[in-house]
């Protein structure tokens, strides 16, 4: 929209923002509400009830800034103040009233901060004080970061941090939950690794047993083959010896001279050596 058209949005019929007790908070142009707010369902009988968890001061500031945006030379996101509590309450008001597109940069800024570094005590206190949905998201991510750092022994002044947790039950419970989940994951990983190593060891033993069994079968086959060969040689030798005995007896009956093998057969058969 052009600057002139946006300026026209600030004119005409007004709607009223009231707090949860019914007290008037601020009047606001209806046309600008329809143009800038995504939560059209909030408007009932030309009134919008501000959720109880929102900071009324930041709601008024947000509505006033939206009036200025309509009149400004260009439309842009609303900047943070670098006051953690104020910024989170400000974004919370924008999200609850359907204007989070103007303050999403503020939420992204604080989410990135608590995700990338350990929050200081003042920031922890400020974040914990904002119990709106966006504030709770930031608190949850901050608690996760603190819990991981604590579990991995990366927090400086660990003793001081533990003492502080005793004064902040909400953070203590959140950190303990993260630590417990992390411990379960570590235990599960260790159990999986132990199971894997046990499986590897069983497979190694099975392979060793299979290799030993294969070697044993090869030895048995070799022994059997050797025994069968020895048996074959003995049977062949018996056949030869029987042949020599038969030839010896025939020559002896005919009175013929024996050869060396037949002479040995005679000595073995009759126990008496004869010339050959």
C-alpha atoms as a PDB file:
ATOM      1  CA  UNK A   1       0.000   0.000   0.000  1.00  0.00           C
ATOM      2  CA  UNK A   2       1.094   3.553  -0.636  1.00  0.00           C
ATOM      3  CA  UNK A   3       1.889   5.838   2.267  1.00  0.00           C
ATOM      4  CA  UNK A   4      -1.281   7.822   1.581  1.00  0.00           C
ATOM      5  CA  UNK A   5      -3.454   4.672   1.567  1.00  0.00           C
ATOM      6  CA  UNK A   6      -1.840   3.466   4.780  1.00  0.00           C
ATOM      7  CA  UNK A   7      -2.493   6.812   6.408  1.00  0.00           C
ATOM      8  CA  UNK A   8      -6.185   6.458   5.573  1.00  0.00           C
ATOM      9  CA  UNK A   9      -6.254   3.253   7.640  1.00  0.00           C
ATOM     10  CA  UNK A  10      -5.812   5.323  10.800  1.00  0.00           C
ATOM     11  CA  UNK A  11      -9.085   7.145  10.208  1.00  0.00           C
ATOM     12  CA  UNK A  12     -12.715   6.156  10.641  1.00  0.00           C
ATOM     13  CA  UNK A  13     -14.385   3.790  13.063  1.00  0.00           C
ATOM     14  CA  UNK A  14     -12.539   2.743  16.223  1.00  0.00           C
ATOM     15  CA  UNK A  15     -12.488  -0.506  18.173  1.00  0.00           C
ATOM     16  CA  UNK A  16     -11.581  -0.874  21.840  1.00  0.00           C
ATOM     17  CA  UNK A  17      -8.940  -3.061  23.471  1.00  0.00           C
ATOM     18  CA  UNK A  18      -9.857  -4.042  27.040  1.00  0.00           C
ATOM     19  CA  UNK A  19      -7.989  -6.033  29.681  1.00  0.00           C
ATOM     20  CA  UNK A  20      -9.284  -9.256  31.260  1.00  0.00           C
ATOM     21  CA  UNK A  21     -11.076  -7.223  33.942  1.00  0.00           C
ATOM     22  CA  UNK A  22     -12.961  -5.157  31.359  1.00  0.00           C
ATOM     23  CA  UNK A  23     -10.928  -1.962  31.736  1.00  0.00           C
ATOM     24  CA  UNK A  24     -10.253   0.040  28.568  1.00  0.00           C
ATOM     25  CA  UNK A  25      -6.691  -0.261  27.332  1.00  0.00           C
ATOM     26  CA  UNK A  26      -6.731   1.708  24.086  1.00  0.00           C
ATOM     27  CA  UNK A  27      -8.866   2.566  21.092  1.00  0.00           C
ATOM     28  CA  UNK A  28      -7.622   1.510  17.667  1.00  0.00           C
ATOM     29  CA  UNK A  29      -8.761   2.152  14.062  1.00  0.00           C
ATOM     30  CA  UNK A  30     -10.902  -0.704  12.713  1.00  0.00           C
ATOM     31  CA  UNK A  31      -9.522  -0.313   9.181  1.00  0.00           C
ATOM     32  CA  UNK A  32      -5.940  -0.665  10.418  1.00  0.00           C
ATOM     33  CA  UNK A  33      -6.954  -3.703  12.481  1.00  0.00           C
ATOM     34  CA  UNK A  34      -8.333  -5.428   9.371  1.00  0.00           C
ATOM     35  CA  UNK A  35      -5.216  -4.516   7.359  1.00  0.00           C
ATOM     36  CA  UNK A  36      -2.492  -5.456   9.864  1.00  0.00           C
ATOM     37  CA  UNK A  37      -3.978  -8.077  12.221  1.00  0.00           C
ATOM     38  CA  UNK A  38      -4.285 -11.775  11.269  1.00  0.00           C
ATOM     39  CA  UNK A  39      -6.439 -12.672  14.300  1.00  0.00           C
ATOM     40  CA  UNK A  40      -9.799 -11.385  13.072  1.00  0.00           C
ATOM     41  CA  UNK A  41     -11.529 -13.778  15.471  1.00  0.00           C
ATOM     42  CA  UNK A  42     -10.415 -11.642  18.417  1.00  0.00           C
ATOM     43  CA  UNK A  43     -12.831  -8.863  17.517  1.00  0.00           C
ATOM     44  CA  UNK A  44     -16.227  -9.360  19.182  1.00  0.00           C
ATOM     45  CA  UNK A  45     -18.754  -6.491  19.387  1.00  0.00           C
ATOM     46  CA  UNK A  46     -16.020  -4.036  18.375  1.00  0.00           C
ATOM     47  CA  UNK A  47     -13.911  -5.093  21.350  1.00  0.00           C
ATOM     48  CA  UNK A  48     -10.769  -7.174  21.766  1.00  0.00           C
ATOM     49  CA  UNK A  49      -9.991  -8.708  25.149  1.00  0.00           C
ATOM     50  CA  UNK A  50      -6.249  -8.669  25.852  1.00  0.00           C
ATOM     51  CA  UNK A  51      -5.125 -12.082  27.252  1.00  0.00           C
ATOM     52  CA  UNK A  52      -4.306 -11.911  30.951  1.00  0.00           C
ATOM     53  CA  UNK A  53      -0.711 -13.118  30.544  1.00  0.00           C
ATOM     54  CA  UNK A  54       0.223 -10.164  28.310  1.00  0.00           C
ATOM     55  CA  UNK A  55       1.953  -7.043  29.599  1.00  0.00           C
ATOM     56  CA  UNK A  56      -0.514  -4.173  29.118  1.00  0.00           C
ATOM     57  CA  UNK A  57       2.321  -1.662  28.796  1.00  0.00           C
ATOM     58  CA  UNK A  58       3.756  -3.588  25.848  1.00  0.00           C
ATOM     59  CA  UNK A  59       0.298  -4.015  24.319  1.00  0.00           C
ATOM     60  CA  UNK A  60      -0.172  -0.230  24.361  1.00  0.00           C
ATOM     61  CA  UNK A  61       3.325   0.294  22.962  1.00  0.00           C
ATOM     62  CA  UNK A  62       2.650  -2.201  20.183  1.00  0.00           C
ATOM     63  CA  UNK A  63      -0.632  -0.564  19.184  1.00  0.00           C
ATOM     64  CA  UNK A  64       0.959   2.888  19.250  1.00  0.00           C
ATOM     65  CA  UNK A  65       3.879   1.729  17.067  1.00  0.00           C
ATOM     66  CA  UNK A  66       1.448   0.133  14.606  1.00  0.00           C
ATOM     67  CA  UNK A  67      -0.238   3.524  14.262  1.00  0.00           C
ATOM     68  CA  UNK A  68       3.169   5.044  13.470  1.00  0.00           C
ATOM     69  CA  UNK A  69       3.964   2.262  10.975  1.00  0.00           C
ATOM     70  CA  UNK A  70       0.818   3.141   9.071  1.00  0.00           C
ATOM     71  CA  UNK A  71       2.001   6.745   8.824  1.00  0.00           C
ATOM     72  CA  UNK A  72       5.693   5.992   8.156  1.00  0.00           C
ATOM     73  CA  UNK A  73       7.474   6.287   4.811  1.00  0.00           C
ATOM     74  CA  UNK A  74       7.871   2.509   4.638  1.00  0.00           C
ATOM     75  CA  UNK A  75       6.747  -0.584   6.519  1.00  0.00           C
ATOM     76  CA  UNK A  76       9.364  -2.724   8.267  1.00  0.00           C
ATOM     77  CA  UNK A  77       9.726  -5.097  11.195  1.00  0.00           C
ATOM     78  CA  UNK A  78       9.725  -3.557  14.634  1.00  0.00           C
ATOM     79  CA  UNK A  79      13.214  -3.572  16.225  1.00  0.00           C
ATOM     80  CA  UNK A  80      14.186  -5.056  19.605  1.00  0.00           C
ATOM     81  CA  UNK A  81      15.065  -2.851  22.573  1.00  0.00           C
ATOM     82  CA  UNK A  82      17.736  -5.298  23.854  1.00  0.00           C
ATOM     83  CA  UNK A  83      15.777  -5.535  27.105  1.00  0.00           C
ATOM     84  CA  UNK A  84      14.997  -9.235  27.320  1.00  0.00           C
ATOM     85  CA  UNK A  85      11.797  -8.987  29.357  1.00  0.00           C
ATOM     86  CA  UNK A  86      10.442  -6.062  27.325  1.00  0.00           C
ATOM     87  CA  UNK A  87      11.286  -7.640  23.977  1.00  0.00           C
ATOM     88  CA  UNK A  88       9.705 -10.991  24.805  1.00  0.00           C
ATOM     89  CA  UNK A  89       6.575  -9.352  26.201  1.00  0.00           C
ATOM     90  CA  UNK A  90       6.418  -7.124  23.136  1.00  0.00           C
ATOM     91  CA  UNK A  91       6.648 -10.073  20.740  1.00  0.00           C
ATOM     92  CA  UNK A  92       4.199 -12.039  22.871  1.00  0.00           C
ATOM     93  CA  UNK A  93       1.663  -9.217  22.528  1.00  0.00           C
ATOM     94  CA  UNK A  94       2.201  -9.140  18.755  1.00  0.00           C
ATOM     95  CA  UNK A  95       1.775 -12.903  18.419  1.00  0.00           C
ATOM     96  CA  UNK A  96      -1.317 -13.058  20.627  1.00  0.00           C
ATOM     97  CA  UNK A  97      -2.971 -10.191  18.748  1.00  0.00           C
ATOM     98  CA  UNK A  98      -2.067 -11.491  15.284  1.00  0.00           C
ATOM     99  CA  UNK A  99       0.866  -9.219  14.392  1.00  0.00           C
ATOM    100  CA  UNK A 100       3.826 -11.575  14.876  1.00  0.00           C
ATOM    101  CA  UNK A 101       5.052 -10.898  11.319  1.00  0.00           C
ATOM    102  CA  UNK A 102       6.192  -7.471  12.585  1.00  0.00           C
ATOM    103  CA  UNK A 103       8.179  -8.916  15.533  1.00  0.00           C
ATOM    104  CA  UNK A 104       9.295 -12.382  14.421  1.00  0.00           C
ATOM    105  CA  UNK A 105      12.825 -11.017  14.139  1.00  0.00           C
ATOM    106  CA  UNK A 106      12.759 -10.372  17.900  1.00  0.00           C
ATOM    107  CA  UNK A 107      11.746 -13.950  18.678  1.00  0.00           C
ATOM    108  CA  UNK A 108      14.403 -15.299  16.281  1.00  0.00           C
ATOM    109  CA  UNK A 109      17.055 -13.124  17.909  1.00  0.00           C
ATOM    110  CA  UNK A 110      16.415 -14.430  21.435  1.00  0.00           C
ATOM    111  CA  UNK A 111      15.898 -18.034  20.342  1.00  0.00           C
ATOM    112  CA  UNK A 112      19.271 -17.972  18.611  1.00  0.00           C
ATOM    113  CA  UNK A 113      20.921 -16.408  21.648  1.00  0.00           C
ATOM    114  CA  UNK A 114      19.715 -18.965  24.187  1.00  0.00           C
ATOM    115  CA  UNK A 115      20.465 -21.773  21.728  1.00  0.00           C
ATOM    116  CA  UNK A 116      24.053 -20.687  21.064  1.00  0.00           C
ATOM    117  CA  UNK A 117      25.331 -19.630  24.487  1.00  0.00           C
ATOM    118  CA  UNK A 118      24.600 -20.105  28.168  1.00  0.00           C
ATOM    119  CA  UNK A 119      22.271 -17.380  29.408  1.00  0.00           C
ATOM    120  CA  UNK A 120      23.290 -15.086  32.253  1.00  0.00           C
ATOM    121  CA  UNK A 121      21.298 -15.070  35.481  1.00  0.00           C
ATOM    122  CA  UNK A 122      19.554 -11.733  34.680  1.00  0.00           C
ATOM    123  CA  UNK A 123      18.452 -13.074  31.296  1.00  0.00           C
ATOM    124  CA  UNK A 124      17.341 -16.363  32.859  1.00  0.00           C
ATOM    125  CA  UNK A 125      15.222 -14.420  35.339  1.00  0.00           C
ATOM    126  CA  UNK A 126      13.768 -12.198  32.602  1.00  0.00           C
ATOM    127  CA  UNK A 127      12.920 -15.114  30.319  1.00  0.00           C
ATOM    128  CA  UNK A 128      11.393 -17.129  33.159  1.00  0.00           C
ATOM    129  CA  UNK A 129       9.173 -14.171  34.010  1.00  0.00           C
ATOM    130  CA  UNK A 130       7.515 -14.231  30.564  1.00  0.00           C
ATOM    131  CA  UNK A 131       4.991 -17.084  30.735  1.00  0.00           C
ATOM    132  CA  UNK A 132       3.376 -16.446  27.357  1.00  0.00           C
ATOM    133  CA  UNK A 133       3.582 -19.084  24.576  1.00  0.00           C
ATOM    134  CA  UNK A 134       6.600 -17.373  22.919  1.00  0.00           C
ATOM    135  CA  UNK A 135       8.210 -16.834  26.324  1.00  0.00           C
ATOM    136  CA  UNK A 136       7.705 -20.495  27.193  1.00  0.00           C
ATOM    137  CA  UNK A 137       9.319 -21.541  23.894  1.00  0.00           C
ATOM    138  CA  UNK A 138      12.374 -19.421  24.626  1.00  0.00           C
ATOM    139  CA  UNK A 139      12.483 -20.723  28.215  1.00  0.00           C
ATOM    140  CA  UNK A 140      12.281 -24.332  27.007  1.00  0.00           C
ATOM    141  CA  UNK A 141      15.126 -23.844  24.539  1.00  0.00           C
ATOM    142  CA  UNK A 142      17.203 -22.022  27.165  1.00  0.00           C
ATOM    143  CA  UNK A 143      16.587 -24.854  29.655  1.00  0.00           C
ATOM    144  CA  UNK A 144      17.589 -27.420  27.033  1.00  0.00           C
ATOM    145  CA  UNK A 145      20.843 -25.582  26.339  1.00  0.00           C
ATOM    146  CA  UNK A 146      21.597 -25.279  30.069  1.00  0.00           C
ATOM    147  CA  UNK A 147      20.680 -28.917  30.676  1.00  0.00           C
ATOM    148  CA  UNK A 148      22.968 -30.186  27.906  1.00  0.00           C
ATOM    149  CA  UNK A 149      25.850 -27.968  29.025  1.00  0.00           C
ATOM    150  CA  UNK A 150      25.358 -29.088  32.623  1.00  0.00           C
ATOM    151  CA  UNK A 151      25.156 -32.771  31.682  1.00  0.00           C
ATOM    152  CA  UNK A 152      28.333 -32.502  29.614  1.00  0.00           C
ATOM    153  CA  UNK A 153      30.169 -30.599  32.412  1.00  0.00           C
ATOM    154  CA  UNK A 154      30.684 -27.554  30.198  1.00  0.00           C
ATOM    155  CA  UNK A 155      29.186 -24.945  32.538  1.00  0.00           C
ATOM    156  CA  UNK A 156      31.748 -22.741  34.243  1.00  0.00           C
ATOM    157  CA  UNK A 157      31.292 -22.376  38.004  1.00  0.00           C
ATOM    158  CA  UNK A 158      29.247 -25.564  38.182  1.00  0.00           C
ATOM    159  CA  UNK A 159      28.868 -25.268  41.967  1.00  0.00           C
ATOM    160  CA  UNK A 160      27.448 -21.753  41.651  1.00  0.00           C
ATOM    161  CA  UNK A 161      25.021 -22.944  38.983  1.00  0.00           C
ATOM    162  CA  UNK A 162      23.827 -25.790  41.203  1.00  0.00           C
ATOM    163  CA  UNK A 163      23.273 -23.376  44.074  1.00  0.00           C
ATOM    164  CA  UNK A 164      21.318 -21.073  41.767  1.00  0.00           C
ATOM    165  CA  UNK A 165      19.090 -23.955  40.643  1.00  0.00           C
ATOM    166  CA  UNK A 166      17.997 -24.380  44.239  1.00  0.00           C
ATOM    167  CA  UNK A 167      16.544 -20.850  44.091  1.00  0.00           C
ATOM    168  CA  UNK A 168      14.746 -21.303  40.764  1.00  0.00           C
ATOM    169  CA  UNK A 169      12.441 -24.314  40.907  1.00  0.00           C
ATOM    170  CA  UNK A 170      11.075 -23.835  37.382  1.00  0.00           C
ATOM    171  CA  UNK A 171      14.534 -23.877  35.832  1.00  0.00           C
ATOM    172  CA  UNK A 172      15.684 -26.682  38.169  1.00  0.00           C
ATOM    173  CA  UNK A 173      12.807 -28.924  37.086  1.00  0.00           C
ATOM    174  CA  UNK A 174      13.379 -28.130  33.416  1.00  0.00           C
ATOM    175  CA  UNK A 175      17.145 -28.765  33.616  1.00  0.00           C
ATOM    176  CA  UNK A 176      16.629 -31.990  35.581  1.00  0.00           C
ATOM    177  CA  UNK A 177      14.212 -33.204  32.915  1.00  0.00           C
ATOM    178  CA  UNK A 178      16.758 -32.515  30.160  1.00  0.00           C
ATOM    179  CA  UNK A 179      19.510 -34.250  32.150  1.00  0.00           C
ATOM    180  CA  UNK A 180      17.261 -37.263  32.795  1.00  0.00           C
ATOM    181  CA  UNK A 181      16.364 -37.594  29.104  1.00  0.00           C
ATOM    182  CA  UNK A 182      20.011 -37.201  28.129  1.00  0.00           C
ATOM    183  CA  UNK A 183      21.047 -39.865  30.656  1.00  0.00           C
ATOM    184  CA  UNK A 184      18.416 -42.245  29.279  1.00  0.00           C
ATOM    185  CA  UNK A 185      19.745 -41.630  25.765  1.00  0.00           C
ATOM    186  CA  UNK A 186      23.340 -42.217  26.895  1.00  0.00           C
ATOM    187  CA  UNK A 187      22.360 -45.393  28.770  1.00  0.00           C
ATOM    188  CA  UNK A 188      20.445 -46.624  25.734  1.00  0.00           C
ATOM    189  CA  UNK A 189      23.416 -45.886  23.504  1.00  0.00           C
ATOM    190  CA  UNK A 190      25.737 -47.727  25.888  1.00  0.00           C
ATOM    191  CA  UNK A 191      23.361 -50.699  26.017  1.00  0.00           C
ATOM    192  CA  UNK A 192      23.147 -50.709  22.233  1.00  0.00           C
ATOM    193  CA  UNK A 193      26.941 -50.625  22.014  1.00  0.00           C
ATOM    194  CA  UNK A 194      27.240 -53.431  24.553  1.00  0.00           C
ATOM    195  CA  UNK A 195      24.676 -55.442  22.605  1.00  0.00           C
ATOM    196  CA  UNK A 196      26.567 -54.756  19.394  1.00  0.00           C
ATOM    197  CA  UNK A 197      29.869 -55.843  20.917  1.00  0.00           C
ATOM    198  CA  UNK A 198      28.225 -58.958  22.385  1.00  0.00           C
ATOM    199  CA  UNK A 199      26.780 -59.768  18.951  1.00  0.00           C
ATOM    200  CA  UNK A 200      30.190 -59.247  17.342  1.00  0.00           C
ATOM    201  CA  UNK A 201      31.765 -61.541  19.940  1.00  0.00           C
ATOM    202  CA  UNK A 202      29.090 -64.207  19.360  1.00  0.00           C
ATOM    203  CA  UNK A 203      29.634 -63.954  15.611  1.00  0.00           C
ATOM    204  CA  UNK A 204      33.403 -64.242  16.105  1.00  0.00           C
ATOM    205  CA  UNK A 205      32.977 -67.362  18.236  1.00  0.00           C
ATOM    206  CA  UNK A 206      30.493 -68.799  15.738  1.00  0.00           C
ATOM    207  CA  UNK A 207      32.926 -68.159  12.888  1.00  0.00           C
ATOM    208  CA  UNK A 208      35.803 -69.643  14.919  1.00  0.00           C
ATOM    209  CA  UNK A 209      33.690 -72.719  15.682  1.00  0.00           C
ATOM    210  CA  UNK A 210      32.625 -73.025  12.063  1.00  0.00           C
ATOM    211  CA  UNK A 211      36.251 -72.674  10.935  1.00  0.00           C
ATOM    212  CA  UNK A 212      37.390 -75.246  13.508  1.00  0.00           C
ATOM    213  CA  UNK A 213      34.593 -77.613  12.438  1.00  0.00           C
ATOM    214  CA  UNK A 214      35.547 -77.192   8.784  1.00  0.00           C
ATOM    215  CA  UNK A 215      39.203 -77.880   9.623  1.00  0.00           C
ATOM    216  CA  UNK A 216      38.198 -80.888  11.711  1.00  0.00           C
ATOM    217  CA  UNK A 217      36.121 -82.243   8.839  1.00  0.00           C
ATOM    218  CA  UNK A 218      39.062 -81.724   6.476  1.00  0.00           C
ATOM    219  CA  UNK A 219      41.357 -83.586   8.890  1.00  0.00           C
ATOM    220  CA  UNK A 220      38.798 -86.390   9.237  1.00  0.00           C
ATOM    221  CA  UNK A 221      38.517 -86.622   5.470  1.00  0.00           C
ATOM    222  CA  UNK A 222      42.323 -86.702   5.147  1.00  0.00           C
ATOM    223  CA  UNK A 223      42.622 -89.329   7.903  1.00  0.00           C
ATOM    224  CA  UNK A 224      39.885 -91.430   6.302  1.00  0.00           C
ATOM    225  CA  UNK A 225      41.507 -91.151   2.900  1.00  0.00           C
ATOM    226  CA  UNK A 226      44.879 -92.119   4.356  1.00  0.00           C
ATOM    227  CA  UNK A 227      43.373 -95.091   6.203  1.00  0.00           C
ATOM    228  CA  UNK A 228      41.536 -96.209   3.078  1.00  0.00           C
ATOM    229  CA  UNK A 229      44.773 -95.918   1.103  1.00  0.00           C
ATOM    230  CA  UNK A 230      46.657 -97.921   3.745  1.00  0.00           C
ATOM    231  CA  UNK A 231      43.906-100.529   3.694  1.00  0.00           C
ATOM    232  CA  UNK A 232      44.096-100.631  -0.082  1.00  0.00           C
ATOM    233  CA  UNK A 233      47.908-101.118   0.076  1.00  0.00           C
ATOM    234  CA  UNK A 234      47.517-103.893   2.659  1.00  0.00           C
ATOM    235  CA  UNK A 235      44.923-105.652   0.534  1.00  0.00           C
ATOM    236  CA  UNK A 236      47.118-105.303  -2.536  1.00  0.00           C
ATOM    237  CA  UNK A 237      50.038-106.619  -0.564  1.00  0.00           C
ATOM    238  CA  UNK A 238      47.948-109.556   0.628  1.00  0.00           C
ATOM    239  CA  UNK A 239      46.964-110.288  -2.960  1.00  0.00           C
ATOM    240  CA  UNK A 240      50.609-110.192  -4.030  1.00  0.00           C
ATOM    241  CA  UNK A 241      51.681-112.317  -1.088  1.00  0.00           C
ATOM    242  CA  UNK A 242      48.924-114.802  -1.869  1.00  0.00           C
ATOM    243  CA  UNK A 243      50.145-114.890  -5.459  1.00  0.00           C
ATOM    244  CA  UNK A 244      53.729-115.508  -4.349  1.00  0.00           C
ATOM    245  CA  UNK A 245      52.589-118.277  -1.992  1.00  0.00           C
ATOM    246  CA  UNK A 246      50.564-119.890  -4.745  1.00  0.00           C
ATOM    247  CA  UNK A 247      53.489-119.659  -7.200  1.00  0.00           C
ATOM    248  CA  UNK A 248      55.918-120.941  -4.557  1.00  0.00           C
ATOM    249  CA  UNK A 249      53.771-123.950  -3.727  1.00  0.00           C
ATOM    250  CA  UNK A 250      53.347-124.764  -7.408  1.00  0.00           C
ATOM    251  CA  UNK A 251      57.088-124.520  -8.123  1.00  0.00           C
ATOM    252  CA  UNK A 252      57.897-126.504  -4.982  1.00  0.00           C
ATOM    253  CA  UNK A 253      55.517-129.235  -6.132  1.00  0.00           C
ATOM    254  CA  UNK A 254      57.216-129.282  -9.529  1.00  0.00           C
ATOM    255  CA  UNK A 255      60.689-129.007  -8.000  1.00  0.00           C
ATOM    256  CA  UNK A 256      61.470-125.727  -9.723  1.00  0.00           C
ATOM    257  CA  UNK A 257      63.770-123.019  -8.419  1.00  0.00           C
ATOM    258  CA  UNK A 258      62.106-120.160  -6.527  1.00  0.00           C
ATOM    259  CA  UNK A 259      62.745-116.519  -7.138  1.00  0.00           C
ATOM    260  CA  UNK A 260      63.443-113.995  -4.327  1.00  0.00           C
ATOM    261  CA  UNK A 261      59.773-113.157  -3.635  1.00  0.00           C
ATOM    262  CA  UNK A 262      58.778-116.797  -3.695  1.00  0.00           C
ATOM    263  CA  UNK A 263      61.701-117.676  -1.372  1.00  0.00           C
ATOM    264  CA  UNK A 264      60.543-115.043   1.132  1.00  0.00           C
ATOM    265  CA  UNK A 265      56.987-116.420   0.828  1.00  0.00           C
ATOM    266  CA  UNK A 266      58.348-119.902   1.574  1.00  0.00           C
ATOM    267  CA  UNK A 267      60.224-118.682   4.651  1.00  0.00           C
ATOM    268  CA  UNK A 268      57.160-116.774   5.883  1.00  0.00           C
ATOM    269  CA  UNK A 269      54.786-119.631   5.157  1.00  0.00           C
ATOM    270  CA  UNK A 270      56.925-122.575   6.369  1.00  0.00           C
ATOM    271  CA  UNK A 271      59.384-120.757   8.703  1.00  0.00           C
ATOM    272  CA  UNK A 272      62.350-122.103   6.716  1.00  0.00           C
ATOM    273  CA  UNK A 273      64.643-120.234   4.382  1.00  0.00           C
ATOM    274  CA  UNK A 274      65.475-121.770   1.014  1.00  0.00           C
ATOM    275  CA  UNK A 275      68.006-120.698  -1.631  1.00  0.00           C
ATOM    276  CA  UNK A 276      66.858-118.839  -4.734  1.00  0.00           C
END
